[in-house]
């Protein structure tokens, strides 16, 4: 048990309430899009880490509105999804990021090439229409 490692992946569902769209991106070398995410490191504060990851990858400063879903996809990884809203900033692709774009809820699963958990998808559809 001592040598086992457990990772926490923090995922920002970045929402624009005016457009009612969600921000997704594609990293260099990836063929599919994904939400803005990163690993939470030991001794890091979750909220500040999430905001830094989003800022570093997209150029946007965000407000974390709270966690909306958590689940385990891989045995050693906990994924925690947070609803975030843009406060300010402008698009500025971070190192390793190829592209970001705003999409409607019904486009997400096709672009990320993944079926999201039902409750998470229901929530995203409820906020973005």
Protein backbone atom coordinates (compact mmCIF):
# COMPACT_ATOMS: atom_id res chain seq x y z
CA UNK A 1 0.00 0.00 0.00
CA UNK A 2 2.91 2.32 0.70
CA UNK A 3 4.17 2.36 -2.88
CA UNK A 4 0.77 2.93 -4.46
CA UNK A 5 0.25 6.32 -6.10
CA UNK A 6 -3.02 8.06 -6.64
CA UNK A 7 -3.41 11.05 -8.97
CA UNK A 8 -6.00 13.79 -8.98
CA UNK A 9 -6.85 15.25 -12.38
CA UNK A 10 -8.59 18.62 -12.19
CA UNK A 11 -10.75 19.51 -15.17
CA UNK A 12 -12.20 22.91 -15.96
CA UNK A 13 -15.52 23.08 -17.76
CA UNK A 14 -15.01 26.67 -18.90
CA UNK A 15 -18.42 28.18 -19.66
CA UNK A 16 -19.35 31.44 -21.37
CA UNK A 17 -22.87 32.31 -20.14
CA UNK A 18 -23.36 34.94 -22.86
CA UNK A 19 -22.71 32.53 -25.73
CA UNK A 20 -23.86 29.48 -23.72
CA UNK A 21 -20.81 27.58 -24.98
CA UNK A 22 -18.04 25.45 -23.45
CA UNK A 23 -14.32 25.87 -24.13
CA UNK A 24 -12.38 22.83 -25.35
CA UNK A 25 -8.88 22.53 -26.72
CA UNK A 26 -6.49 20.31 -28.57
CA UNK A 27 -2.89 19.76 -27.53
CA UNK A 28 -0.12 19.42 -30.09
CA UNK A 29 0.10 15.81 -31.18
CA UNK A 30 -3.49 14.99 -30.12
CA UNK A 31 -6.18 14.22 -32.66
CA UNK A 32 -9.09 14.82 -30.26
CA UNK A 33 -10.16 17.80 -28.22
CA UNK A 34 -10.48 17.79 -24.45
CA UNK A 35 -11.58 20.00 -21.61
CA UNK A 36 -8.86 22.11 -19.97
CA UNK A 37 -7.18 19.84 -17.43
CA UNK A 38 -4.06 19.09 -15.45
CA UNK A 39 -2.72 17.06 -12.53
CA UNK A 40 -2.98 18.33 -8.99
CA UNK A 41 0.43 18.00 -7.35
CA UNK A 42 1.15 17.30 -3.74
CA UNK A 43 0.93 20.43 -1.55
CA UNK A 44 -0.92 22.44 -4.21
CA UNK A 45 -4.13 24.30 -3.41
CA UNK A 46 -6.85 22.98 -5.72
CA UNK A 47 -8.61 26.23 -6.67
CA UNK A 48 -5.39 28.12 -7.41
CA UNK A 49 -4.00 25.16 -9.38
CA UNK A 50 -7.14 24.96 -11.51
CA UNK A 51 -7.06 28.70 -12.28
CA UNK A 52 -3.35 28.54 -13.15
CA UNK A 53 -3.83 25.55 -15.47
CA UNK A 54 -6.64 27.33 -17.33
CA UNK A 55 -4.70 30.61 -17.55
CA UNK A 56 -1.51 28.87 -18.74
CA UNK A 57 -3.32 26.85 -21.42
CA UNK A 58 -5.87 29.40 -22.68
CA UNK A 59 -4.87 32.91 -21.59
CA UNK A 60 -8.13 33.39 -19.67
CA UNK A 61 -8.52 34.25 -15.98
CA UNK A 62 -11.45 32.31 -14.55
CA UNK A 63 -13.71 32.08 -11.55
CA UNK A 64 -14.18 28.56 -10.17
CA UNK A 65 -17.90 28.12 -9.46
CA UNK A 66 -17.43 24.73 -7.79
CA UNK A 67 -17.15 21.05 -8.48
CA UNK A 68 -19.88 19.51 -10.62
CA UNK A 69 -18.76 15.90 -11.01
CA UNK A 70 -16.11 13.44 -9.84
CA UNK A 71 -15.30 9.96 -11.00
CA UNK A 72 -12.58 7.38 -11.50
CA UNK A 73 -11.73 6.48 -15.11
CA UNK A 74 -8.44 4.82 -14.41
CA UNK A 75 -7.68 2.79 -11.32
CA UNK A 76 -5.11 5.26 -10.02
CA UNK A 77 -6.74 8.54 -11.11
CA UNK A 78 -9.58 10.60 -9.68
CA UNK A 79 -11.09 13.10 -12.13
CA UNK A 80 -12.78 16.14 -10.60
CA UNK A 81 -14.74 18.46 -12.91
CA UNK A 82 -15.28 22.12 -12.02
CA UNK A 83 -17.56 24.69 -13.60
CA UNK A 84 -15.55 27.82 -14.40
CA UNK A 85 -16.50 31.16 -15.89
CA UNK A 86 -14.17 33.56 -17.66
CA UNK A 87 -13.53 36.78 -15.72
CA UNK A 88 -11.09 38.44 -18.10
CA UNK A 89 -8.23 37.89 -20.49
CA UNK A 90 -7.89 37.04 -24.13
CA UNK A 91 -7.13 33.87 -25.99
CA UNK A 92 -3.45 33.02 -25.72
CA UNK A 93 -2.50 29.44 -26.49
CA UNK A 94 -0.12 27.98 -23.96
CA UNK A 95 2.91 25.84 -24.65
CA UNK A 96 1.82 22.52 -26.07
CA UNK A 97 -1.69 23.75 -26.96
CA UNK A 98 -2.56 23.62 -30.66
CA UNK A 99 -6.08 25.07 -30.65
CA UNK A 100 -8.99 26.08 -28.45
CA UNK A 101 -12.58 26.73 -29.44
CA UNK A 102 -16.04 27.39 -28.02
CA UNK A 103 -18.64 24.72 -28.72
CA UNK A 104 -22.23 23.86 -27.93
CA UNK A 105 -23.01 21.02 -25.52
CA UNK A 106 -24.24 18.69 -28.28
CA UNK A 107 -20.86 18.93 -30.10
CA UNK A 108 -18.63 17.98 -27.16
CA UNK A 109 -18.72 14.17 -27.19
CA UNK A 110 -17.98 14.00 -30.93
CA UNK A 111 -15.05 16.40 -30.66
CA UNK A 112 -13.48 14.79 -27.59
CA UNK A 113 -14.26 11.35 -29.03
CA UNK A 114 -15.49 10.12 -25.67
CA UNK A 115 -18.81 9.33 -24.07
CA UNK A 116 -19.12 11.43 -20.93
CA UNK A 117 -20.80 10.11 -17.79
CA UNK A 118 -24.56 10.65 -18.09
CA UNK A 119 -24.90 12.98 -15.08
CA UNK A 120 -22.03 15.16 -16.27
CA UNK A 121 -23.45 15.45 -19.78
CA UNK A 122 -26.91 16.23 -18.40
CA UNK A 123 -25.42 19.04 -16.33
CA UNK A 124 -23.47 20.51 -19.27
CA UNK A 125 -26.59 20.42 -21.45
CA UNK A 126 -28.65 22.07 -18.70
CA UNK A 127 -26.33 25.08 -18.51
CA UNK A 128 -25.55 25.47 -22.18
CA UNK A 129 -28.72 24.38 -23.92
